[in-house]
């Protein structure tokens, strides 16, 4: 896929959704970090159902640490891997207090040093909370990038680096949101909804659907 076609793709995605944003609900970088940690192998919807009560009880690292893993579990037990996530969130809260003055760090290295925070989680926080031009490649973005031909790759890191290289500079801040939402609601895994896709004529996927 050439640069001009990629530019038109993102122009159309931008026109369809001028101000893209995450579907996770949060009120601070810390709450976003917790939400993203909870969303691993879970849906944003399930996380959003659990976090309002949690954030009312423990909105800061200090309150989360006081709550402790056992106290946290009742709030998140509807989410997959809740016991492991509870331990990671409480330990992360402790480290934020001890190492970062209770603030979420703005570097990838410092974020990835926190328990339960990998490259994808760090990219989401850096992009959404701090406006860094990063792209967190989840299953949706991986699928869309390969199907369309925007940035094909056999693994998530290859796709991420391809997107950072090929997405036009003016669209990099919003690319994460446009691609994930497009994959979630249009370019679906089992049956992509090609007839209503705004980039149908530019997409290089050979098995396009003809009906919804």
C-alpha atoms as a PDB file:
ATOM      1  CA  UNK A   1       0.000   0.000   0.000  1.00  0.00           C
ATOM      2  CA  UNK A   2       1.378   3.394  -0.948  1.00  0.00           C
ATOM      3  CA  UNK A   3       1.580   6.518   1.188  1.00  0.00           C
ATOM      4  CA  UNK A   4      -1.174   8.366  -0.684  1.00  0.00           C
ATOM      5  CA  UNK A   5      -3.675   5.571  -0.115  1.00  0.00           C
ATOM      6  CA  UNK A   6      -2.815   5.438   3.600  1.00  0.00           C
ATOM      7  CA  UNK A   7      -3.329   9.188   3.853  1.00  0.00           C
ATOM      8  CA  UNK A   8      -6.783   8.962   2.279  1.00  0.00           C
ATOM      9  CA  UNK A   9      -7.715   6.091   4.600  1.00  0.00           C
ATOM     10  CA  UNK A  10      -6.957   8.140   7.695  1.00  0.00           C
ATOM     11  CA  UNK A  11      -8.584  11.247   6.242  1.00  0.00           C
ATOM     12  CA  UNK A  12     -11.809   9.252   5.891  1.00  0.00           C
ATOM     13  CA  UNK A  13     -11.557   7.668   9.346  1.00  0.00           C
ATOM     14  CA  UNK A  14     -10.957  11.130  10.780  1.00  0.00           C
ATOM     15  CA  UNK A  15     -13.900  12.617   8.897  1.00  0.00           C
ATOM     16  CA  UNK A  16     -16.167   9.860  10.208  1.00  0.00           C
ATOM     17  CA  UNK A  17     -14.970  10.365  13.803  1.00  0.00           C
ATOM     18  CA  UNK A  18     -13.220  13.732  14.206  1.00  0.00           C
ATOM     19  CA  UNK A  19     -12.580  13.426  17.940  1.00  0.00           C
ATOM     20  CA  UNK A  20     -11.900   9.769  18.717  1.00  0.00           C
ATOM     21  CA  UNK A  21     -11.489   8.672  22.318  1.00  0.00           C
ATOM     22  CA  UNK A  22     -11.237   5.547  24.387  1.00  0.00           C
ATOM     23  CA  UNK A  23     -14.405   3.820  25.542  1.00  0.00           C
ATOM     24  CA  UNK A  24     -12.861   3.181  28.965  1.00  0.00           C
ATOM     25  CA  UNK A  25     -14.184   5.487  31.679  1.00  0.00           C
ATOM     26  CA  UNK A  26     -11.692   7.297  33.918  1.00  0.00           C
ATOM     27  CA  UNK A  27     -11.076  10.645  35.614  1.00  0.00           C
ATOM     28  CA  UNK A  28      -7.273  10.655  36.031  1.00  0.00           C
ATOM     29  CA  UNK A  29      -4.155   9.026  34.563  1.00  0.00           C
ATOM     30  CA  UNK A  30      -4.118   6.640  37.537  1.00  0.00           C
ATOM     31  CA  UNK A  31      -7.700   5.562  36.918  1.00  0.00           C
ATOM     32  CA  UNK A  32      -6.933   5.105  33.223  1.00  0.00           C
ATOM     33  CA  UNK A  33      -3.929   2.932  34.104  1.00  0.00           C
ATOM     34  CA  UNK A  34      -6.082   0.766  36.373  1.00  0.00           C
ATOM     35  CA  UNK A  35      -8.806   0.493  33.716  1.00  0.00           C
ATOM     36  CA  UNK A  36      -6.329  -0.554  31.033  1.00  0.00           C
ATOM     37  CA  UNK A  37      -4.774  -3.134  33.363  1.00  0.00           C
ATOM     38  CA  UNK A  38      -8.246  -4.533  34.031  1.00  0.00           C
ATOM     39  CA  UNK A  39      -9.130  -4.582  30.331  1.00  0.00           C
ATOM     40  CA  UNK A  40      -6.500  -7.205  29.452  1.00  0.00           C
ATOM     41  CA  UNK A  41      -8.412 -10.227  28.106  1.00  0.00           C
ATOM     42  CA  UNK A  42     -11.662  -8.456  29.034  1.00  0.00           C
ATOM     43  CA  UNK A  43     -14.056  -6.060  27.335  1.00  0.00           C
ATOM     44  CA  UNK A  44     -14.171  -2.325  27.950  1.00  0.00           C
ATOM     45  CA  UNK A  45     -17.834  -2.753  28.812  1.00  0.00           C
ATOM     46  CA  UNK A  46     -17.095  -5.195  31.640  1.00  0.00           C
ATOM     47  CA  UNK A  47     -14.433  -2.855  32.991  1.00  0.00           C
ATOM     48  CA  UNK A  48     -16.757   0.159  32.846  1.00  0.00           C
ATOM     49  CA  UNK A  49     -19.389  -1.749  34.813  1.00  0.00           C
ATOM     50  CA  UNK A  50     -16.895  -2.422  37.611  1.00  0.00           C
ATOM     51  CA  UNK A  51     -14.848   0.750  37.908  1.00  0.00           C
ATOM     52  CA  UNK A  52     -17.362   3.445  38.982  1.00  0.00           C
ATOM     53  CA  UNK A  53     -17.854   1.872  42.408  1.00  0.00           C
ATOM     54  CA  UNK A  54     -14.152   1.090  42.655  1.00  0.00           C
ATOM     55  CA  UNK A  55     -13.066   4.632  41.829  1.00  0.00           C
ATOM     56  CA  UNK A  56     -15.531   6.051  44.309  1.00  0.00           C
ATOM     57  CA  UNK A  57     -13.913   3.905  46.999  1.00  0.00           C
ATOM     58  CA  UNK A  58     -10.297   4.130  45.824  1.00  0.00           C
ATOM     59  CA  UNK A  59      -9.680   6.978  43.359  1.00  0.00           C
ATOM     60  CA  UNK A  60      -5.951   7.369  44.118  1.00  0.00           C
ATOM     61  CA  UNK A  61      -2.907   5.131  44.596  1.00  0.00           C
ATOM     62  CA  UNK A  62      -3.026   5.794  48.338  1.00  0.00           C
ATOM     63  CA  UNK A  63      -6.632   4.665  48.675  1.00  0.00           C
ATOM     64  CA  UNK A  64      -6.029   1.674  46.410  1.00  0.00           C
ATOM     65  CA  UNK A  65      -3.095   0.591  48.553  1.00  0.00           C
ATOM     66  CA  UNK A  66      -5.236   0.916  51.695  1.00  0.00           C
ATOM     67  CA  UNK A  67      -7.921  -1.183  50.041  1.00  0.00           C
ATOM     68  CA  UNK A  68      -5.458  -3.990  49.374  1.00  0.00           C
ATOM     69  CA  UNK A  69      -5.819  -6.936  47.023  1.00  0.00           C
ATOM     70  CA  UNK A  70      -8.469  -8.695  49.108  1.00  0.00           C
ATOM     71  CA  UNK A  71     -10.464  -5.497  49.392  1.00  0.00           C
ATOM     72  CA  UNK A  72     -10.144  -4.848  45.669  1.00  0.00           C
ATOM     73  CA  UNK A  73     -11.337  -8.276  44.543  1.00  0.00           C
ATOM     74  CA  UNK A  74     -15.075  -7.758  45.307  1.00  0.00           C
ATOM     75  CA  UNK A  75     -15.098  -4.754  42.953  1.00  0.00           C
ATOM     76  CA  UNK A  76     -13.484  -6.558  40.009  1.00  0.00           C
ATOM     77  CA  UNK A  77     -14.448 -10.220  40.412  1.00  0.00           C
ATOM     78  CA  UNK A  78     -16.696 -10.074  37.324  1.00  0.00           C
ATOM     79  CA  UNK A  79     -13.561  -9.424  35.230  1.00  0.00           C
ATOM     80  CA  UNK A  80     -11.300 -12.211  34.023  1.00  0.00           C
ATOM     81  CA  UNK A  81      -8.057 -12.924  35.916  1.00  0.00           C
ATOM     82  CA  UNK A  82      -9.278 -10.700  38.742  1.00  0.00           C
ATOM     83  CA  UNK A  83      -7.025 -12.146  41.454  1.00  0.00           C
ATOM     84  CA  UNK A  84      -3.827 -11.580  39.494  1.00  0.00           C
ATOM     85  CA  UNK A  85      -4.998  -8.148  38.393  1.00  0.00           C
ATOM     86  CA  UNK A  86      -5.837  -7.189  41.984  1.00  0.00           C
ATOM     87  CA  UNK A  87      -2.308  -8.043  43.114  1.00  0.00           C
ATOM     88  CA  UNK A  88      -0.752  -6.122  40.238  1.00  0.00           C
ATOM     89  CA  UNK A  89      -2.914  -3.034  40.752  1.00  0.00           C
ATOM     90  CA  UNK A  90      -2.184  -2.822  44.471  1.00  0.00           C
ATOM     91  CA  UNK A  91       1.553  -3.363  43.972  1.00  0.00           C
ATOM     92  CA  UNK A  92       1.559  -0.800  41.165  1.00  0.00           C
ATOM     93  CA  UNK A  93      -0.154   1.668  43.497  1.00  0.00           C
ATOM     94  CA  UNK A  94       2.588   1.093  46.086  1.00  0.00           C
ATOM     95  CA  UNK A  95       5.327   1.687  43.526  1.00  0.00           C
ATOM     96  CA  UNK A  96       3.641   4.827  42.207  1.00  0.00           C
ATOM     97  CA  UNK A  97       3.672   6.221  45.750  1.00  0.00           C
ATOM     98  CA  UNK A  98       7.236   5.156  46.502  1.00  0.00           C
ATOM     99  CA  UNK A  99       8.917   5.915  43.185  1.00  0.00           C
ATOM    100  CA  UNK A 100       6.788   8.484  41.389  1.00  0.00           C
ATOM    101  CA  UNK A 101       5.197  10.707  44.046  1.00  0.00           C
ATOM    102  CA  UNK A 102       1.843   9.035  43.382  1.00  0.00           C
ATOM    103  CA  UNK A 103       1.905  10.164  39.742  1.00  0.00           C
ATOM    104  CA  UNK A 104       1.713   7.920  36.685  1.00  0.00           C
ATOM    105  CA  UNK A 105       5.091   8.174  34.906  1.00  0.00           C
ATOM    106  CA  UNK A 106       5.240   9.449  31.371  1.00  0.00           C
ATOM    107  CA  UNK A 107       7.975   7.176  30.033  1.00  0.00           C
ATOM    108  CA  UNK A 108       7.565   3.710  28.562  1.00  0.00           C
ATOM    109  CA  UNK A 109      10.446   2.304  30.591  1.00  0.00           C
ATOM    110  CA  UNK A 110       9.001   3.450  33.909  1.00  0.00           C
ATOM    111  CA  UNK A 111       5.521   2.259  33.017  1.00  0.00           C
ATOM    112  CA  UNK A 112       6.720  -1.173  31.923  1.00  0.00           C
ATOM    113  CA  UNK A 113       8.586  -1.515  35.210  1.00  0.00           C
ATOM    114  CA  UNK A 114       5.221  -1.606  37.010  1.00  0.00           C
ATOM    115  CA  UNK A 115       3.626  -5.014  37.736  1.00  0.00           C
ATOM    116  CA  UNK A 116       1.132  -6.077  35.101  1.00  0.00           C
ATOM    117  CA  UNK A 117       2.064  -3.269  32.719  1.00  0.00           C
ATOM    118  CA  UNK A 118       3.366  -4.461  29.358  1.00  0.00           C
ATOM    119  CA  UNK A 119       4.114  -2.625  26.136  1.00  0.00           C
ATOM    120  CA  UNK A 120       0.477  -2.475  25.023  1.00  0.00           C
ATOM    121  CA  UNK A 121      -0.767  -1.058  28.342  1.00  0.00           C
ATOM    122  CA  UNK A 122       2.071   1.465  28.414  1.00  0.00           C
ATOM    123  CA  UNK A 123       1.249   2.583  24.863  1.00  0.00           C
ATOM    124  CA  UNK A 124      -2.425   3.101  25.713  1.00  0.00           C
ATOM    125  CA  UNK A 125      -1.611   5.217  28.780  1.00  0.00           C
ATOM    126  CA  UNK A 126       1.036   7.251  26.970  1.00  0.00           C
ATOM    127  CA  UNK A 127      -1.330   7.946  24.068  1.00  0.00           C
ATOM    128  CA  UNK A 128      -4.549   8.664  25.928  1.00  0.00           C
ATOM    129  CA  UNK A 129      -3.355  10.238  29.171  1.00  0.00           C
ATOM    130  CA  UNK A 130      -0.346  12.139  27.869  1.00  0.00           C
ATOM    131  CA  UNK A 131      -0.887  12.579  24.137  1.00  0.00           C
ATOM    132  CA  UNK A 132       2.157  10.628  22.992  1.00  0.00           C
ATOM    133  CA  UNK A 133       2.053   9.385  19.401  1.00  0.00           C
ATOM    134  CA  UNK A 134       2.013   5.707  20.303  1.00  0.00           C
ATOM    135  CA  UNK A 135      -0.160   2.889  18.982  1.00  0.00           C
ATOM    136  CA  UNK A 136      -1.116  -0.047  21.182  1.00  0.00           C
ATOM    137  CA  UNK A 137      -1.718  -3.043  18.940  1.00  0.00           C
ATOM    138  CA  UNK A 138      -4.529  -5.221  20.257  1.00  0.00           C
ATOM    139  CA  UNK A 139      -6.407  -7.935  18.357  1.00  0.00           C
ATOM    140  CA  UNK A 140      -8.593  -5.369  16.564  1.00  0.00           C
ATOM    141  CA  UNK A 141      -5.716  -3.183  15.382  1.00  0.00           C
ATOM    142  CA  UNK A 142      -3.684  -6.249  14.400  1.00  0.00           C
ATOM    143  CA  UNK A 143      -6.585  -7.535  12.296  1.00  0.00           C
ATOM    144  CA  UNK A 144      -7.365  -4.189  10.626  1.00  0.00           C
ATOM    145  CA  UNK A 145      -3.723  -3.460   9.862  1.00  0.00           C
ATOM    146  CA  UNK A 146      -3.260  -6.831   8.177  1.00  0.00           C
ATOM    147  CA  UNK A 147      -6.605  -6.975   6.363  1.00  0.00           C
ATOM    148  CA  UNK A 148      -6.425  -3.506   4.910  1.00  0.00           C
ATOM    149  CA  UNK A 149      -2.724  -3.637   4.113  1.00  0.00           C
ATOM    150  CA  UNK A 150      -2.012  -0.460   6.097  1.00  0.00           C
ATOM    151  CA  UNK A 151       0.751  -2.157   8.104  1.00  0.00           C
ATOM    152  CA  UNK A 152       0.842  -5.931   7.677  1.00  0.00           C
ATOM    153  CA  UNK A 153       2.929  -8.028  10.040  1.00  0.00           C
ATOM    154  CA  UNK A 154       3.131 -11.461  11.632  1.00  0.00           C
ATOM    155  CA  UNK A 155       3.288 -10.178  15.220  1.00  0.00           C
ATOM    156  CA  UNK A 156       2.075  -7.169  17.196  1.00  0.00           C
ATOM    157  CA  UNK A 157       5.479  -5.476  17.417  1.00  0.00           C
ATOM    158  CA  UNK A 158       5.974  -5.634  13.650  1.00  0.00           C
ATOM    159  CA  UNK A 159       2.523  -4.142  13.124  1.00  0.00           C
ATOM    160  CA  UNK A 160       3.134  -1.432  15.731  1.00  0.00           C
ATOM    161  CA  UNK A 161       6.431  -0.390  14.163  1.00  0.00           C
ATOM    162  CA  UNK A 162       4.833  -0.488  10.721  1.00  0.00           C
ATOM    163  CA  UNK A 163       2.029   1.804  11.835  1.00  0.00           C
ATOM    164  CA  UNK A 164       4.445   4.236  13.455  1.00  0.00           C
ATOM    165  CA  UNK A 165       6.393   4.308  10.194  1.00  0.00           C
ATOM    166  CA  UNK A 166       3.516   4.527   7.741  1.00  0.00           C
ATOM    167  CA  UNK A 167       0.683   6.442   9.449  1.00  0.00           C
ATOM    168  CA  UNK A 168       0.920  10.095   8.364  1.00  0.00           C
ATOM    169  CA  UNK A 169       2.260  12.303  11.147  1.00  0.00           C
ATOM    170  CA  UNK A 170      -0.920  14.377  11.441  1.00  0.00           C
ATOM    171  CA  UNK A 171      -2.980  11.251  12.161  1.00  0.00           C
ATOM    172  CA  UNK A 172      -0.702   9.397  14.581  1.00  0.00           C
ATOM    173  CA  UNK A 173      -2.257  10.776  17.768  1.00  0.00           C
ATOM    174  CA  UNK A 174      -5.705   9.462  16.811  1.00  0.00           C
ATOM    175  CA  UNK A 175      -4.677   6.352  14.853  1.00  0.00           C
ATOM    176  CA  UNK A 176      -4.962   4.061  17.873  1.00  0.00           C
ATOM    177  CA  UNK A 177      -8.597   5.020  18.427  1.00  0.00           C
ATOM    178  CA  UNK A 178      -9.657   4.991  14.781  1.00  0.00           C
ATOM    179  CA  UNK A 179      -8.205   1.548  14.144  1.00  0.00           C
ATOM    180  CA  UNK A 180      -9.479  -0.094  17.328  1.00  0.00           C
ATOM    181  CA  UNK A 181     -12.999   1.281  16.910  1.00  0.00           C
ATOM    182  CA  UNK A 182     -13.029   0.355  13.228  1.00  0.00           C
ATOM    183  CA  UNK A 183     -12.035  -3.190  14.129  1.00  0.00           C
ATOM    184  CA  UNK A 184     -14.507  -3.390  16.981  1.00  0.00           C
ATOM    185  CA  UNK A 185     -17.574  -2.166  15.096  1.00  0.00           C
ATOM    186  CA  UNK A 186     -16.948  -2.513  11.345  1.00  0.00           C
ATOM    187  CA  UNK A 187     -13.976  -4.705  10.444  1.00  0.00           C
ATOM    188  CA  UNK A 188     -15.149  -7.486  12.747  1.00  0.00           C
ATOM    189  CA  UNK A 189     -13.289 -10.760  13.153  1.00  0.00           C
ATOM    190  CA  UNK A 190     -15.895 -13.229  11.906  1.00  0.00           C
ATOM    191  CA  UNK A 191     -17.739 -11.128   9.355  1.00  0.00           C
ATOM    192  CA  UNK A 192     -16.440  -7.680   8.479  1.00  0.00           C
ATOM    193  CA  UNK A 193     -19.190  -5.249   7.531  1.00  0.00           C
ATOM    194  CA  UNK A 194     -17.551  -4.210   4.274  1.00  0.00           C
ATOM    195  CA  UNK A 195     -20.660  -2.663   2.627  1.00  0.00           C
ATOM    196  CA  UNK A 196     -20.774   0.111   5.253  1.00  0.00           C
ATOM    197  CA  UNK A 197     -17.002   0.561   5.546  1.00  0.00           C
ATOM    198  CA  UNK A 198     -15.765   4.066   4.678  1.00  0.00           C
ATOM    199  CA  UNK A 199     -12.475   2.686   3.359  1.00  0.00           C
ATOM    200  CA  UNK A 200     -13.919  -0.285   1.442  1.00  0.00           C
ATOM    201  CA  UNK A 201     -12.541   0.823  -1.932  1.00  0.00           C
ATOM    202  CA  UNK A 202      -9.057   1.393  -0.493  1.00  0.00           C
ATOM    203  CA  UNK A 203      -8.824  -1.776   1.589  1.00  0.00           C
ATOM    204  CA  UNK A 204      -6.716  -4.593   0.143  1.00  0.00           C
ATOM    205  CA  UNK A 205      -8.652  -7.421   1.830  1.00  0.00           C
ATOM    206  CA  UNK A 206      -9.552  -9.948  -0.870  1.00  0.00           C
ATOM    207  CA  UNK A 207     -12.505 -11.622   0.869  1.00  0.00           C
ATOM    208  CA  UNK A 208     -14.781  -8.621   1.291  1.00  0.00           C
ATOM    209  CA  UNK A 209     -18.348  -9.299   2.347  1.00  0.00           C
ATOM    210  CA  UNK A 210     -21.092  -8.210  -0.054  1.00  0.00           C
ATOM    211  CA  UNK A 211     -23.964  -8.034   2.433  1.00  0.00           C
ATOM    212  CA  UNK A 212     -24.468  -7.301   6.111  1.00  0.00           C
END
